[in-house]
Amino acid sequence: MFADHDGEFNSPYGSVRLPSLLALRCFEAAARLEHFGRAAEELHLTHGAVSRAVRLLEEELGLALFERRSRRVFLTDAGRKLARAVGEGLGLMRQAVGELRSSASQARRWVLSCEPTLLMRWLIPRWPEFQARHPELEVQLVAGGGAFSFAGGMDLAIRRDDFAWPAHYHAVPLFAEKIGPVCRPDQVDAWLSTRRGRALRAATPCLHTRTRPDAWQTWAGLTGQTLPTAAGQYFEHFYFSLQAAVAGLGVAMGPWQQVRDDVASGVLAAPLDFVEDGSRYHLLSPRPLPEQGPQADLLAWLRAMA
């Protein structure tokens, strides 16, 4: 009743019939706990099912595996030998299953690092769409800029190529960076002159950021525009300068992807449009992305969102 079929032809184990896994599990639990009742509770079986499985196993082997004394059971020498072998075998199976489950879980769980302002103003607002496409994935979005290491548990990263990353990192371009001045729509006329073509007035307050201190100079060099002479304010991070522009404190240098939603909704205006500054954003990974699967879908989705 509890014996498996013979092994495959020419198998070195073909002449040895193994008892069923259920019978061995019942025996191992009863041997370890020295109690059929507790073994039944652990295996979510009845006491009678465990007792019957062990008895049939003993009949199949032709050996007594337990000495039954009152309500207690004790292993015989044969029982101890089989208990060691079965315990080791089940232990190896549990370890292998655990490792496989862990590996499968890690394949569904990613850590994606993205530059803070891009994460806050571009990626997060669009992220529910990707989540809806892949509800089986657990993706942790973390903010990070500049140099990094995949050794710290990060799986993917979105970075602008304004620094050198290790040559063995795999980088796939996502989109070109475009920049332009942005301000509140009701301040365009006050800060923009149209007398000799559209240009910022000399008294226009520029909002600067310490994370991109050359942004205004880069834009002026690309467009041939003359920068305002008025003193401007400096902010620690890019998103502070953009929020200051929303508040009406001046004109900020806005990357297109980070201000596009505000421009589309009318919160900000971009009177001088945007120009590519020569840099690009990339999706970085420790190894080439697979051609199919969730990571390939993520790459295609990121490019489509751009």
Protein backbone atom coordinates (compact mmCIF):
# COMPACT_ATOMS: atom_id res chain seq x y z
CA MET A 1 0.00 0.00 0.00
CA PHE A 2 2.76 2.41 0.88
CA ALA A 3 5.40 1.18 -1.62
CA ASP A 4 6.40 3.26 -4.63
CA HIS A 5 6.84 1.76 -8.08
CA ASP A 6 10.14 0.19 -9.05
CA GLY A 7 12.88 2.50 -10.36
CA GLU A 8 13.58 3.15 -14.02
CA PHE A 9 15.23 0.50 -16.18
CA ASN A 10 19.01 0.35 -15.69
CA SER A 11 18.78 2.68 -12.68
CA PRO A 12 21.29 1.73 -9.95
CA TYR A 13 18.40 2.00 -7.51
CA GLY A 14 15.91 0.11 -9.63
CA SER A 15 15.97 -3.04 -7.50
CA VAL A 16 15.22 -1.19 -4.24
CA ARG A 17 11.61 -0.21 -3.68
CA LEU A 18 11.26 2.77 -1.39
CA PRO A 19 8.27 3.16 0.91
CA SER A 20 6.02 6.11 0.21
CA LEU A 21 7.06 9.55 1.39
CA LEU A 22 3.97 9.75 3.59
CA ALA A 23 4.95 6.58 5.42
CA LEU A 24 8.50 7.82 5.92
CA ARG A 25 7.31 11.22 7.14
CA CYS A 26 4.99 9.57 9.65
CA PHE A 27 7.81 7.34 10.86
CA GLU A 28 10.34 10.20 11.10
CA ALA A 29 7.97 12.40 13.13
CA ALA A 30 7.04 9.52 15.47
CA ALA A 31 10.72 8.57 15.90
CA ARG A 32 11.79 12.14 16.61
CA LEU A 33 8.94 12.87 19.05
CA GLU A 34 8.68 9.28 20.41
CA HIS A 35 4.93 9.73 20.39
CA PHE A 36 2.35 8.89 17.73
CA GLY A 37 -0.14 11.47 19.00
CA ARG A 38 2.30 14.40 18.84
CA ALA A 39 3.50 13.19 15.43
CA ALA A 40 -0.11 13.22 14.23
CA GLU A 41 -0.58 16.81 15.48
CA GLU A 42 2.59 17.97 13.73
CA LEU A 43 1.58 16.33 10.43
CA HIS A 44 -2.09 17.35 10.72
CA LEU A 45 -3.15 13.70 10.58
CA THR A 46 -5.11 11.47 12.93
CA HIS A 47 -3.39 9.29 15.50
CA GLY A 48 -4.76 6.25 13.72
CA ALA A 49 -3.35 7.33 10.34
CA VAL A 50 0.16 7.69 11.77
CA SER A 51 -0.03 4.41 13.67
CA ARG A 52 -1.32 2.59 10.59
CA ALA A 53 1.39 4.08 8.32
CA VAL A 54 4.14 2.97 10.72
CA ARG A 55 2.65 -0.49 11.13
CA LEU A 56 2.44 -1.02 7.34
CA LEU A 57 6.01 0.27 7.01
CA GLU A 58 7.16 -2.33 9.56
CA GLU A 59 5.28 -5.04 7.68
CA GLU A 60 6.86 -4.03 4.40
CA LEU A 61 10.37 -4.05 5.87
CA GLY A 62 9.76 -7.17 7.94
CA LEU A 63 11.23 -5.46 11.00
CA ALA A 64 9.96 -3.87 14.19
CA LEU A 65 10.87 -0.19 14.23
CA PHE A 66 9.36 0.63 17.64
CA GLU A 67 8.92 -1.01 20.98
CA ARG A 68 5.46 -0.11 22.26
CA ARG A 69 5.22 0.26 26.01
CA SER A 70 1.96 1.52 27.41
CA ARG A 71 1.43 4.92 25.72
CA ARG A 72 5.09 5.44 24.85
CA VAL A 73 7.07 4.14 21.88
CA PHE A 74 10.82 3.56 21.73
CA LEU A 75 13.00 2.98 18.69
CA THR A 76 14.58 -0.39 18.09
CA ASP A 77 18.10 -0.64 16.67
CA ALA A 78 16.60 -0.96 13.19
CA GLY A 79 14.34 2.00 13.90
CA ARG A 80 17.28 4.18 14.95
CA LYS A 81 19.17 3.29 11.77
CA LEU A 82 16.22 4.15 9.56
CA ALA A 83 15.41 7.28 11.57
CA ARG A 84 18.91 8.68 11.00
CA ALA A 85 18.72 8.03 7.25
CA VAL A 86 15.20 9.38 6.85
CA GLY A 87 15.95 12.43 9.02
CA GLU A 88 19.01 13.29 6.94
CA GLY A 89 17.10 12.77 3.70
CA LEU A 90 14.16 14.94 4.75
CA GLY A 91 16.59 17.55 6.04
CA LEU A 92 18.32 17.74 2.66
CA MET A 93 14.95 18.01 0.91
CA ARG A 94 13.80 20.78 3.25
CA GLN A 95 17.06 22.68 2.68
CA ALA A 96 16.78 22.36 -1.10
CA VAL A 97 13.12 23.44 -1.10
CA GLY A 98 13.94 26.40 1.14
CA GLU A 99 16.77 27.52 -1.11
CA LEU A 100 14.60 27.21 -4.21
CA ARG A 101 11.78 29.16 -2.59
CA SER A 102 14.22 31.85 -1.47
CA SER A 103 15.67 32.08 -4.96
CA ALA A 104 12.21 32.35 -6.50
CA SER A 105 11.22 34.99 -3.95
CA GLN A 106 14.34 37.05 -4.67
CA ALA A 107 13.58 36.83 -8.40
CA ARG A 108 10.23 38.50 -7.62
CA ARG A 109 11.70 41.10 -5.24
CA TRP A 110 13.87 43.95 -6.56
CA VAL A 111 15.48 47.06 -5.18
CA LEU A 112 15.43 49.86 -7.76
CA SER A 113 17.46 52.97 -6.97
CA CYS A 114 16.65 56.23 -8.74
CA GLU A 115 17.93 59.79 -8.47
CA PRO A 116 15.76 61.54 -5.85
CA THR A 117 14.09 64.28 -7.91
CA LEU A 118 13.45 61.98 -10.86
CA LEU A 119 12.04 59.38 -8.46
CA MET A 120 9.72 61.85 -6.76
CA ARG A 121 8.51 63.84 -9.76
CA TRP A 122 8.58 61.31 -12.61
CA LEU A 123 8.86 57.65 -11.58
CA ILE A 124 6.58 57.41 -8.54
CA PRO A 125 3.59 59.16 -10.19
CA ARG A 126 3.77 56.59 -13.04
CA TRP A 127 4.68 53.55 -10.97
CA PRO A 128 1.12 52.30 -10.25
CA GLU A 129 0.78 51.44 -13.95
CA PHE A 130 3.79 49.12 -13.84
CA GLN A 131 2.62 47.59 -10.57
CA ALA A 132 -0.75 46.84 -12.15
CA ARG A 133 1.04 45.03 -14.98
CA HIS A 134 3.18 42.96 -12.59
CA PRO A 135 1.32 42.46 -9.30
CA GLU A 136 3.54 39.43 -8.56
CA LEU A 137 6.63 41.63 -8.19
CA GLU A 138 7.79 43.36 -5.02
CA VAL A 139 9.84 46.37 -6.08
CA GLN A 140 11.34 48.65 -3.45
CA LEU A 141 12.00 52.13 -4.84
CA VAL A 142 14.86 53.90 -3.10
CA ALA A 143 16.34 57.34 -3.65
CA GLY A 144 20.02 57.59 -4.51
CA GLY A 145 22.26 59.68 -6.70
CA GLY A 146 25.78 59.44 -8.04
CA ALA A 147 28.16 56.54 -7.49
CA PHE A 148 26.82 53.32 -5.99
CA SER A 149 27.53 49.60 -5.73
CA PHE A 150 25.35 46.62 -6.56
CA ALA A 151 27.08 44.75 -3.74
CA GLY A 152 24.82 46.49 -1.23
CA GLY A 153 21.68 44.60 -2.24
CA MET A 154 20.61 46.88 -5.09
CA ASP A 155 19.32 45.15 -8.23
CA LEU A 156 18.80 48.04 -10.67
CA ALA A 157 19.56 51.75 -10.75
CA ILE A 158 18.51 54.76 -12.84
CA ARG A 159 21.30 57.32 -13.17
CA ARG A 160 22.30 60.21 -15.38
CA ASP A 161 25.71 59.76 -17.00
CA ASP A 162 27.30 62.76 -15.28
CA PHE A 163 29.77 60.47 -13.48
CA ALA A 164 31.82 57.41 -14.40
CA TRP A 165 30.45 54.05 -13.31
CA PRO A 166 32.41 50.77 -13.35
CA ALA A 167 33.01 49.38 -16.84
CA HIS A 168 31.49 45.99 -15.92
CA TYR A 169 28.10 47.55 -15.09
CA HIS A 170 25.55 47.05 -17.84
CA ALA A 171 23.94 50.34 -18.94
CA VAL A 172 20.94 50.73 -21.23
CA PRO A 173 20.01 54.30 -22.34
CA LEU A 174 16.52 55.43 -21.36
CA PHE A 175 16.16 59.04 -22.53
CA ALA A 176 18.13 62.21 -23.20
CA GLU A 177 18.16 64.94 -20.58
CA LYS A 178 16.47 68.19 -21.68
CA ILE A 179 16.56 71.35 -19.59
CA GLY A 180 14.84 74.75 -19.67
CA PRO A 181 13.76 77.61 -17.39
CA VAL A 182 10.45 77.13 -15.58
CA CYS A 183 8.37 79.46 -13.45
CA ARG A 184 4.81 80.11 -12.42
CA PRO A 185 2.59 80.99 -15.39
CA ASP A 186 1.46 84.26 -13.81
CA GLN A 187 5.10 85.44 -13.64
CA VAL A 188 6.07 84.84 -17.27
CA ASP A 189 5.32 88.39 -18.39
CA ALA A 190 7.21 89.92 -15.46
CA TRP A 191 10.38 87.89 -16.03
CA LEU A 192 10.41 87.33 -19.78
CA SER A 193 11.28 90.02 -22.29
CA THR A 194 10.07 89.80 -25.91
CA ARG A 195 11.63 93.05 -27.18
CA ARG A 196 14.50 91.35 -29.02
CA GLY A 197 13.32 87.81 -29.08
CA ARG A 198 12.28 85.87 -26.03
CA ALA A 199 14.81 86.18 -23.19
CA LEU A 200 14.90 86.41 -19.43
CA ARG A 201 15.04 89.93 -18.03
CA ALA A 202 18.20 91.01 -16.21
CA ALA A 203 16.28 91.35 -12.94
CA THR A 204 14.81 87.86 -13.09
CA PRO A 205 15.70 85.90 -9.91
CA CYS A 206 17.31 82.58 -10.84
CA LEU A 207 16.93 79.60 -8.53
CA HIS A 208 20.07 77.45 -8.27
CA THR A 209 20.79 74.03 -6.79
CA ARG A 210 24.01 72.78 -5.27
CA THR A 211 23.52 69.33 -6.79
CA ARG A 212 23.72 70.86 -10.30
CA PRO A 213 25.60 74.12 -9.81
CA ASP A 214 26.41 74.54 -13.54
CA ALA A 215 22.87 73.98 -14.84
CA TRP A 216 22.22 77.62 -15.72
CA GLN A 217 25.62 78.07 -17.38
CA THR A 218 25.12 74.87 -19.38
CA TRP A 219 21.74 76.09 -20.62
CA ALA A 220 23.12 79.54 -21.52
CA GLY A 221 25.98 77.95 -23.47
CA LEU A 222 23.59 75.71 -25.42
CA THR A 223 21.03 78.42 -26.23
CA GLY A 224 23.20 81.53 -26.55
CA GLN A 225 21.06 83.26 -23.93
CA THR A 226 22.44 85.85 -21.54
CA LEU A 227 21.92 84.97 -17.90
CA PRO A 228 20.10 87.43 -15.61
CA THR A 229 22.36 89.58 -13.48
CA ALA A 230 20.09 89.56 -10.44
CA ALA A 231 21.28 87.60 -7.43
CA GLY A 232 19.53 84.28 -7.11
CA GLN A 233 18.84 81.85 -4.32
CA TYR A 234 20.61 78.52 -3.79
CA PHE A 235 18.95 75.32 -2.62
CA GLU A 236 20.46 72.06 -1.42
CA HIS A 237 18.54 69.78 -3.81
CA PHE A 238 16.96 70.09 -7.22
CA TYR A 239 13.45 69.40 -5.98
CA PHE A 240 13.73 72.32 -3.54
CA SER A 241 14.52 74.73 -6.37
CA LEU A 242 11.60 73.40 -8.41
CA GLN A 243 9.25 73.75 -5.46
CA ALA A 244 10.54 77.28 -4.96
CA ALA A 245 9.59 78.02 -8.58
CA VAL A 246 6.10 76.68 -7.90
CA ALA A 247 5.94 79.00 -4.88
CA GLY A 248 6.83 81.99 -7.07
CA LEU A 249 10.31 82.67 -5.70
CA GLY A 250 11.94 82.82 -9.13
CA VAL A 251 12.85 80.84 -12.24
CA ALA A 252 14.37 77.39 -11.87
CA MET A 253 16.31 75.33 -14.38
CA GLY A 254 13.97 72.41 -14.92
CA PRO A 255 14.80 69.02 -16.44
CA TRP A 256 11.94 68.07 -18.75
CA GLN A 257 11.05 64.72 -17.18
CA GLN A 258 10.97 66.27 -13.72
CA VAL A 259 8.70 69.19 -14.61
CA ARG A 260 6.58 67.79 -17.44
CA ASP A 261 3.63 66.97 -15.18
CA ASP A 262 3.63 70.47 -13.65
CA VAL A 263 3.87 72.04 -17.11
CA ALA A 264 1.04 69.85 -18.42
CA SER A 265 -1.19 70.76 -15.47
CA GLY A 266 -0.39 74.49 -15.66
CA VAL A 267 1.41 74.64 -12.32
CA LEU A 268 4.61 75.67 -14.11
CA ALA A 269 5.31 77.32 -17.45
CA ALA A 270 8.31 76.76 -19.72
CA PRO A 271 8.39 79.96 -21.83
CA LEU A 272 11.75 79.19 -23.48
CA ASP A 273 11.12 75.48 -24.08
CA PHE A 274 13.74 72.77 -23.45
CA VAL A 275 17.07 71.81 -25.01
CA GLU A 276 19.11 68.61 -24.76
CA ASP A 277 22.15 69.15 -22.55
CA GLY A 278 24.16 66.18 -23.90
CA SER A 279 23.59 63.82 -20.98
CA ARG A 280 21.33 60.79 -20.80
CA TYR A 281 19.63 58.67 -18.17
CA HIS A 282 20.39 54.94 -18.13
CA LEU A 283 19.04 51.82 -16.49
CA LEU A 284 22.03 50.14 -14.83
CA SER A 285 22.30 46.50 -13.80
CA PRO A 286 25.14 44.21 -12.63
CA ARG A 287 24.67 42.01 -15.73
CA PRO A 288 22.86 42.26 -19.08
CA LEU A 289 19.09 42.25 -18.76
CA PRO A 290 17.24 39.19 -20.07
CA GLU A 291 15.54 39.61 -23.43
CA GLN A 292 12.23 38.47 -21.95
CA GLY A 293 10.62 38.57 -18.54
CA PRO A 294 9.78 41.24 -15.93
CA GLN A 295 13.09 43.13 -16.17
CA ALA A 296 12.77 43.34 -19.94
CA ASP A 297 9.21 44.59 -19.44
CA LEU A 298 10.46 47.21 -16.99
CA LEU A 299 13.01 48.50 -19.50
CA ALA A 300 10.37 48.75 -22.26
CA TRP A 301 7.96 50.46 -19.87
CA LEU A 302 10.52 53.03 -18.71
CA ARG A 303 11.33 53.91 -22.31
CA ALA A 304 7.64 54.22 -23.15
CA MET A 305 7.07 56.53 -20.16
CA ALA A 306 9.84 58.83 -21.40
